[in-house]
Amino acid sequence: MPARMPSRTDDETLLNMLDMRDYDGLSAAKIGQRAGRSRAAVCGLFKRVRDDEAWYEVECAARGVPVCRCRKPENRDGGMTRRWWRS
Protein backbone atom coordinates (compact mmCIF):
# COMPACT_ATOMS: atom_id res chain seq x y z
CA MET A 1 0.00 0.00 0.00
CA PRO A 2 1.47 3.40 -0.94
CA ALA A 3 2.17 5.92 1.78
CA ARG A 4 -0.48 8.55 2.43
CA MET A 5 0.40 12.05 1.31
CA PRO A 6 0.59 14.47 4.23
CA SER A 7 -2.27 16.95 4.44
CA ARG A 8 -1.98 20.67 5.08
CA THR A 9 -2.92 19.95 8.69
CA ASP A 10 -0.11 17.38 8.95
CA ASP A 11 2.34 19.94 7.57
CA GLU A 12 1.19 22.64 9.99
CA THR A 13 1.41 20.23 12.93
CA LEU A 14 4.98 19.32 12.01
CA LEU A 15 5.96 22.96 11.52
CA ASN A 16 4.47 23.87 14.90
CA MET A 17 6.35 21.02 16.57
CA LEU A 18 9.64 22.03 14.93
CA ASP A 19 9.00 25.61 16.03
CA MET A 20 8.45 24.49 19.63
CA ARG A 21 11.74 22.58 19.50
CA ASP A 22 13.88 25.14 17.67
CA TYR A 23 12.55 28.44 19.03
CA ASP A 24 10.95 27.58 22.35
CA GLY A 25 13.57 24.97 23.29
CA LEU A 26 10.97 22.45 24.42
CA SER A 27 11.80 18.79 24.91
CA ALA A 28 10.12 16.04 22.90
CA ALA A 29 8.12 15.13 26.00
CA LYS A 30 6.75 18.69 26.38
CA ILE A 31 6.03 18.95 22.65
CA GLY A 32 4.20 15.63 22.82
CA GLN A 33 2.07 16.84 25.73
CA ARG A 34 1.09 19.98 23.83
CA ALA A 35 0.46 18.13 20.56
CA GLY A 36 -1.37 15.18 22.10
CA ARG A 37 1.31 12.66 21.13
CA SER A 38 3.81 10.55 22.96
CA ARG A 39 7.46 11.51 23.37
CA ALA A 40 8.41 8.54 21.19
CA ALA A 41 6.05 9.70 18.40
CA VAL A 42 7.64 13.16 18.45
CA CYS A 43 11.16 11.68 18.40
CA GLY A 44 10.19 9.44 15.48
CA LEU A 45 8.77 12.35 13.55
CA PHE A 46 11.92 14.43 14.09
CA LYS A 47 14.08 11.46 13.03
CA ARG A 48 12.15 11.10 9.77
CA VAL A 49 12.70 14.81 9.08
CA ARG A 50 16.45 14.44 9.75
CA ASP A 51 16.63 11.35 7.55
CA ASP A 52 14.81 13.09 4.69
CA GLU A 53 17.07 16.14 4.92
CA ALA A 54 20.19 13.96 4.93
CA TRP A 55 18.93 11.97 1.93
CA TYR A 56 18.23 15.17 0.00
CA GLU A 57 21.72 16.53 0.73
CA VAL A 58 23.31 13.28 -0.52
CA GLU A 59 21.17 13.35 -3.67
CA CYS A 60 22.13 16.96 -4.40
CA ALA A 61 25.82 16.15 -3.88
CA ALA A 62 25.56 13.14 -6.20
CA ARG A 63 24.04 15.33 -8.91
CA GLY A 64 26.52 18.13 -8.27
CA VAL A 65 23.89 20.72 -7.45
CA PRO A 66 23.63 22.96 -4.39
CA VAL A 67 21.16 21.94 -1.69
CA CYS A 68 19.42 25.31 -1.93
CA ARG A 69 18.86 26.71 -5.39
CA CYS A 70 16.72 29.63 -4.20
CA ARG A 71 17.58 32.91 -5.85
CA LYS A 72 15.76 35.07 -3.31
CA PRO A 73 17.42 35.29 0.13
CA GLU A 74 14.01 35.30 1.85
CA ASN A 75 13.35 31.81 0.44
CA ARG A 76 16.56 30.30 1.80
CA ASP A 77 16.92 28.57 5.15
CA GLY A 78 16.60 31.15 7.88
CA GLY A 79 15.10 33.69 5.50
CA MET A 80 11.46 33.22 6.44
CA THR A 81 9.94 34.91 9.45
CA ARG A 82 9.02 32.81 12.45
CA ARG A 83 5.71 30.98 12.01
CA TRP A 84 5.48 32.02 8.35
CA TRP A 85 2.99 29.21 7.66
CA ARG A 86 0.37 30.87 9.88
CA SER A 87 0.00 34.02 7.81
C-alpha atoms as a PDB file:
ATOM      1  CA  MET A   1       0.000   0.000   0.000  1.00  0.00           C
ATOM      2  CA  PRO A   2       1.472   3.397  -0.943  1.00  0.00           C
ATOM      3  CA  ALA A   3       2.171   5.919   1.778  1.00  0.00           C
ATOM      4  CA  ARG A   4      -0.477   8.549   2.431  1.00  0.00           C
ATOM      5  CA  MET A   5       0.404  12.046   1.307  1.00  0.00           C
ATOM      6  CA  PRO A   6       0.593  14.468   4.234  1.00  0.00           C
ATOM      7  CA  SER A   7      -2.270  16.947   4.442  1.00  0.00           C
ATOM      8  CA  ARG A   8      -1.980  20.670   5.078  1.00  0.00           C
ATOM      9  CA  THR A   9      -2.924  19.947   8.694  1.00  0.00           C
ATOM     10  CA  ASP A  10      -0.113  17.375   8.950  1.00  0.00           C
ATOM     11  CA  ASP A  11       2.337  19.936   7.570  1.00  0.00           C
ATOM     12  CA  GLU A  12       1.189  22.635   9.990  1.00  0.00           C
ATOM     13  CA  THR A  13       1.407  20.227  12.933  1.00  0.00           C
ATOM     14  CA  LEU A  14       4.984  19.317  12.010  1.00  0.00           C
ATOM     15  CA  LEU A  15       5.961  22.961  11.515  1.00  0.00           C
ATOM     16  CA  ASN A  16       4.475  23.871  14.899  1.00  0.00           C
ATOM     17  CA  MET A  17       6.352  21.016  16.568  1.00  0.00           C
ATOM     18  CA  LEU A  18       9.642  22.027  14.933  1.00  0.00           C
ATOM     19  CA  ASP A  19       8.999  25.609  16.030  1.00  0.00           C
ATOM     20  CA  MET A  20       8.448  24.489  19.626  1.00  0.00           C
ATOM     21  CA  ARG A  21      11.740  22.577  19.496  1.00  0.00           C
ATOM     22  CA  ASP A  22      13.878  25.141  17.667  1.00  0.00           C
ATOM     23  CA  TYR A  23      12.551  28.441  19.032  1.00  0.00           C
ATOM     24  CA  ASP A  24      10.946  27.576  22.351  1.00  0.00           C
ATOM     25  CA  GLY A  25      13.570  24.974  23.289  1.00  0.00           C
ATOM     26  CA  LEU A  26      10.969  22.447  24.418  1.00  0.00           C
ATOM     27  CA  SER A  27      11.796  18.792  24.908  1.00  0.00           C
ATOM     28  CA  ALA A  28      10.123  16.044  22.896  1.00  0.00           C
ATOM     29  CA  ALA A  29       8.124  15.130  26.001  1.00  0.00           C
ATOM     30  CA  LYS A  30       6.749  18.692  26.376  1.00  0.00           C
ATOM     31  CA  ILE A  31       6.029  18.949  22.654  1.00  0.00           C
ATOM     32  CA  GLY A  32       4.199  15.632  22.820  1.00  0.00           C
ATOM     33  CA  GLN A  33       2.074  16.845  25.729  1.00  0.00           C
ATOM     34  CA  ARG A  34       1.092  19.984  23.831  1.00  0.00           C
ATOM     35  CA  ALA A  35       0.464  18.125  20.556  1.00  0.00           C
ATOM     36  CA  GLY A  36      -1.371  15.179  22.100  1.00  0.00           C
ATOM     37  CA  ARG A  37       1.311  12.656  21.126  1.00  0.00           C
ATOM     38  CA  SER A  38       3.811  10.546  22.959  1.00  0.00           C
ATOM     39  CA  ARG A  39       7.460  11.515  23.369  1.00  0.00           C
ATOM     40  CA  ALA A  40       8.405   8.537  21.186  1.00  0.00           C
ATOM     41  CA  ALA A  41       6.054   9.698  18.402  1.00  0.00           C
ATOM     42  CA  VAL A  42       7.641  13.156  18.451  1.00  0.00           C
ATOM     43  CA  CYS A  43      11.164  11.675  18.403  1.00  0.00           C
ATOM     44  CA  GLY A  44      10.190   9.436  15.485  1.00  0.00           C
ATOM     45  CA  LEU A  45       8.775  12.354  13.550  1.00  0.00           C
ATOM     46  CA  PHE A  46      11.915  14.426  14.087  1.00  0.00           C
ATOM     47  CA  LYS A  47      14.083  11.465  13.027  1.00  0.00           C
ATOM     48  CA  ARG A  48      12.149  11.103   9.768  1.00  0.00           C
ATOM     49  CA  VAL A  49      12.698  14.814   9.081  1.00  0.00           C
ATOM     50  CA  ARG A  50      16.451  14.443   9.746  1.00  0.00           C
ATOM     51  CA  ASP A  51      16.633  11.347   7.545  1.00  0.00           C
ATOM     52  CA  ASP A  52      14.813  13.091   4.686  1.00  0.00           C
ATOM     53  CA  GLU A  53      17.068  16.143   4.923  1.00  0.00           C
ATOM     54  CA  ALA A  54      20.194  13.959   4.927  1.00  0.00           C
ATOM     55  CA  TRP A  55      18.935  11.966   1.926  1.00  0.00           C
ATOM     56  CA  TYR A  56      18.234  15.174  -0.001  1.00  0.00           C
ATOM     57  CA  GLU A  57      21.718  16.527   0.731  1.00  0.00           C
ATOM     58  CA  VAL A  58      23.309  13.283  -0.521  1.00  0.00           C
ATOM     59  CA  GLU A  59      21.172  13.346  -3.672  1.00  0.00           C
ATOM     60  CA  CYS A  60      22.132  16.956  -4.398  1.00  0.00           C
ATOM     61  CA  ALA A  61      25.823  16.152  -3.877  1.00  0.00           C
ATOM     62  CA  ALA A  62      25.562  13.137  -6.196  1.00  0.00           C
ATOM     63  CA  ARG A  63      24.038  15.334  -8.908  1.00  0.00           C
ATOM     64  CA  GLY A  64      26.522  18.129  -8.266  1.00  0.00           C
ATOM     65  CA  VAL A  65      23.887  20.719  -7.454  1.00  0.00           C
ATOM     66  CA  PRO A  66      23.630  22.963  -4.385  1.00  0.00           C
ATOM     67  CA  VAL A  67      21.161  21.943  -1.691  1.00  0.00           C
ATOM     68  CA  CYS A  68      19.424  25.306  -1.928  1.00  0.00           C
ATOM     69  CA  ARG A  69      18.859  26.714  -5.392  1.00  0.00           C
ATOM     70  CA  CYS A  70      16.720  29.630  -4.204  1.00  0.00           C
ATOM     71  CA  ARG A  71      17.576  32.911  -5.851  1.00  0.00           C
ATOM     72  CA  LYS A  72      15.762  35.068  -3.312  1.00  0.00           C
ATOM     73  CA  PRO A  73      17.417  35.293   0.131  1.00  0.00           C
ATOM     74  CA  GLU A  74      14.009  35.302   1.848  1.00  0.00           C
ATOM     75  CA  ASN A  75      13.348  31.811   0.438  1.00  0.00           C
ATOM     76  CA  ARG A  76      16.561  30.303   1.802  1.00  0.00           C
ATOM     77  CA  ASP A  77      16.916  28.566   5.150  1.00  0.00           C
ATOM     78  CA  GLY A  78      16.604  31.153   7.883  1.00  0.00           C
ATOM     79  CA  GLY A  79      15.097  33.693   5.505  1.00  0.00           C
ATOM     80  CA  MET A  80      11.455  33.219   6.442  1.00  0.00           C
ATOM     81  CA  THR A  81       9.939  34.910   9.452  1.00  0.00           C
ATOM     82  CA  ARG A  82       9.017  32.812  12.447  1.00  0.00           C
ATOM     83  CA  ARG A  83       5.713  30.979  12.013  1.00  0.00           C
ATOM     84  CA  TRP A  84       5.484  32.024   8.354  1.00  0.00           C
ATOM     85  CA  TRP A  85       2.991  29.214   7.663  1.00  0.00           C
ATOM     86  CA  ARG A  86       0.368  30.870   9.884  1.00  0.00           C
ATOM     87  CA  SER A  87      -0.001  34.021   7.807  1.00  0.00           C
END
